[in-house]
């Protein structure tokens, strides 16, 4: 049971659900836009839309990751500046 708690903690679960809550709606909107924009009539259309969707999911995830990475770097620099002063 302790192994389960170690790898599946509440903190990790909340982080995962927070990411899904940010990326999921944008992904759903992208799926709707791709579906409305293209007329799917061959396997090539499905392949192109799947590739476009993967790029969109990657872009949405990367965008949120960058925002939080910059925030963490800013906090680190502020704390280092305060300790230096």
C-alpha atoms as a PDB file:
ATOM      1  CA  UNK A   1       0.000   0.000   0.000  1.00  0.00           C
ATOM      2  CA  UNK A   2       2.892   2.352   0.717  1.00  0.00           C
ATOM      3  CA  UNK A   3       4.268   1.854  -2.801  1.00  0.00           C
ATOM      4  CA  UNK A   4       0.887   2.860  -4.156  1.00  0.00           C
ATOM      5  CA  UNK A   5       0.819   5.989  -1.979  1.00  0.00           C
ATOM      6  CA  UNK A   6       4.370   6.851  -2.967  1.00  0.00           C
ATOM      7  CA  UNK A   7       3.713   6.819  -6.713  1.00  0.00           C
ATOM      8  CA  UNK A   8       0.068   7.920  -6.736  1.00  0.00           C
ATOM      9  CA  UNK A   9      -0.036  10.704  -4.205  1.00  0.00           C
ATOM     10  CA  UNK A  10      -2.767  13.311  -4.034  1.00  0.00           C
ATOM     11  CA  UNK A  11      -0.279  15.994  -5.078  1.00  0.00           C
ATOM     12  CA  UNK A  12       0.564  14.122  -8.299  1.00  0.00           C
ATOM     13  CA  UNK A  13      -3.114  13.454  -9.022  1.00  0.00           C
ATOM     14  CA  UNK A  14      -4.070  17.096  -8.565  1.00  0.00           C
ATOM     15  CA  UNK A  15      -1.237  18.138 -10.868  1.00  0.00           C
ATOM     16  CA  UNK A  16      -2.333  15.681 -13.544  1.00  0.00           C
ATOM     17  CA  UNK A  17      -5.975  16.751 -13.356  1.00  0.00           C
ATOM     18  CA  UNK A  18      -4.972  20.422 -13.436  1.00  0.00           C
ATOM     19  CA  UNK A  19      -2.997  19.828 -16.655  1.00  0.00           C
ATOM     20  CA  UNK A  20      -5.885  17.889 -18.176  1.00  0.00           C
ATOM     21  CA  UNK A  21      -8.259  20.682 -17.185  1.00  0.00           C
ATOM     22  CA  UNK A  22      -6.114  23.192 -19.048  1.00  0.00           C
ATOM     23  CA  UNK A  23      -5.222  21.181 -22.125  1.00  0.00           C
ATOM     24  CA  UNK A  24      -8.462  19.214 -22.527  1.00  0.00           C
ATOM     25  CA  UNK A  25     -10.811  22.063 -23.463  1.00  0.00           C
ATOM     26  CA  UNK A  26      -8.343  23.508 -25.956  1.00  0.00           C
ATOM     27  CA  UNK A  27      -7.897  20.079 -27.484  1.00  0.00           C
ATOM     28  CA  UNK A  28     -11.658  19.603 -27.748  1.00  0.00           C
ATOM     29  CA  UNK A  29     -11.976  22.960 -29.504  1.00  0.00           C
ATOM     30  CA  UNK A  30      -9.213  21.997 -31.923  1.00  0.00           C
ATOM     31  CA  UNK A  31     -10.975  18.697 -32.682  1.00  0.00           C
ATOM     32  CA  UNK A  32     -14.188  20.575 -33.430  1.00  0.00           C
ATOM     33  CA  UNK A  33     -12.390  23.094 -35.653  1.00  0.00           C
ATOM     34  CA  UNK A  34     -10.617  20.367 -37.628  1.00  0.00           C
ATOM     35  CA  UNK A  35     -13.844  18.406 -38.000  1.00  0.00           C
ATOM     36  CA  UNK A  36     -15.740  21.435 -39.276  1.00  0.00           C
ATOM     37  CA  UNK A  37     -12.949  22.664 -41.568  1.00  0.00           C
ATOM     38  CA  UNK A  38     -12.202  19.428 -43.429  1.00  0.00           C
ATOM     39  CA  UNK A  39     -14.438  17.059 -45.285  1.00  0.00           C
ATOM     40  CA  UNK A  40     -13.295  13.588 -44.305  1.00  0.00           C
ATOM     41  CA  UNK A  41     -13.641  11.266 -47.267  1.00  0.00           C
ATOM     42  CA  UNK A  42     -10.418   9.261 -47.364  1.00  0.00           C
ATOM     43  CA  UNK A  43      -7.811   7.804 -45.090  1.00  0.00           C
ATOM     44  CA  UNK A  44      -5.434  10.628 -46.077  1.00  0.00           C
ATOM     45  CA  UNK A  45      -7.865  13.171 -44.634  1.00  0.00           C
ATOM     46  CA  UNK A  46      -8.028  11.206 -41.394  1.00  0.00           C
ATOM     47  CA  UNK A  47      -4.233  10.953 -41.260  1.00  0.00           C
ATOM     48  CA  UNK A  48      -3.718  14.659 -41.858  1.00  0.00           C
ATOM     49  CA  UNK A  49      -6.279  15.547 -39.204  1.00  0.00           C
ATOM     50  CA  UNK A  50      -4.657  13.172 -36.691  1.00  0.00           C
ATOM     51  CA  UNK A  51      -1.265  14.762 -37.323  1.00  0.00           C
ATOM     52  CA  UNK A  52      -2.767  18.244 -36.946  1.00  0.00           C
ATOM     53  CA  UNK A  53      -4.416  17.185 -33.706  1.00  0.00           C
ATOM     54  CA  UNK A  54      -1.151  15.810 -32.312  1.00  0.00           C
ATOM     55  CA  UNK A  55       0.596  19.068 -33.146  1.00  0.00           C
ATOM     56  CA  UNK A  56      -2.194  21.031 -31.453  1.00  0.00           C
ATOM     57  CA  UNK A  57      -2.052  18.937 -28.278  1.00  0.00           C
ATOM     58  CA  UNK A  58       1.731  19.318 -28.181  1.00  0.00           C
ATOM     59  CA  UNK A  59       1.453  23.090 -28.640  1.00  0.00           C
ATOM     60  CA  UNK A  60      -1.190  23.468 -25.913  1.00  0.00           C
ATOM     61  CA  UNK A  61       0.790  21.350 -23.450  1.00  0.00           C
ATOM     62  CA  UNK A  62       4.045  23.128 -24.235  1.00  0.00           C
ATOM     63  CA  UNK A  63       2.407  26.542 -23.798  1.00  0.00           C
ATOM     64  CA  UNK A  64       1.194  25.760 -20.269  1.00  0.00           C
ATOM     65  CA  UNK A  65       4.505  24.133 -19.378  1.00  0.00           C
ATOM     66  CA  UNK A  66       6.408  27.265 -20.464  1.00  0.00           C
ATOM     67  CA  UNK A  67       4.149  29.534 -18.443  1.00  0.00           C
ATOM     68  CA  UNK A  68       4.771  27.553 -15.267  1.00  0.00           C
ATOM     69  CA  UNK A  69       8.475  27.113 -15.979  1.00  0.00           C
ATOM     70  CA  UNK A  70       8.900  30.883 -16.335  1.00  0.00           C
ATOM     71  CA  UNK A  71       6.951  31.401 -13.108  1.00  0.00           C
ATOM     72  CA  UNK A  72       9.221  28.978 -11.252  1.00  0.00           C
ATOM     73  CA  UNK A  73      12.367  30.585 -12.663  1.00  0.00           C
ATOM     74  CA  UNK A  74      11.078  34.011 -11.647  1.00  0.00           C
ATOM     75  CA  UNK A  75      10.431  32.760  -8.091  1.00  0.00           C
ATOM     76  CA  UNK A  76      13.910  31.239  -7.962  1.00  0.00           C
ATOM     77  CA  UNK A  77      15.563  34.460  -9.127  1.00  0.00           C
ATOM     78  CA  UNK A  78      13.563  36.526  -6.649  1.00  0.00           C
ATOM     79  CA  UNK A  79      14.503  34.288  -3.740  1.00  0.00           C
ATOM     80  CA  UNK A  80      18.175  34.313  -4.817  1.00  0.00           C
ATOM     81  CA  UNK A  81      18.065  38.103  -5.067  1.00  0.00           C
ATOM     82  CA  UNK A  82      16.567  38.412  -1.577  1.00  0.00           C
ATOM     83  CA  UNK A  83      19.212  36.095  -0.100  1.00  0.00           C
ATOM     84  CA  UNK A  84      21.964  38.010  -1.872  1.00  0.00           C
ATOM     85  CA  UNK A  85      20.689  41.336  -0.524  1.00  0.00           C
END
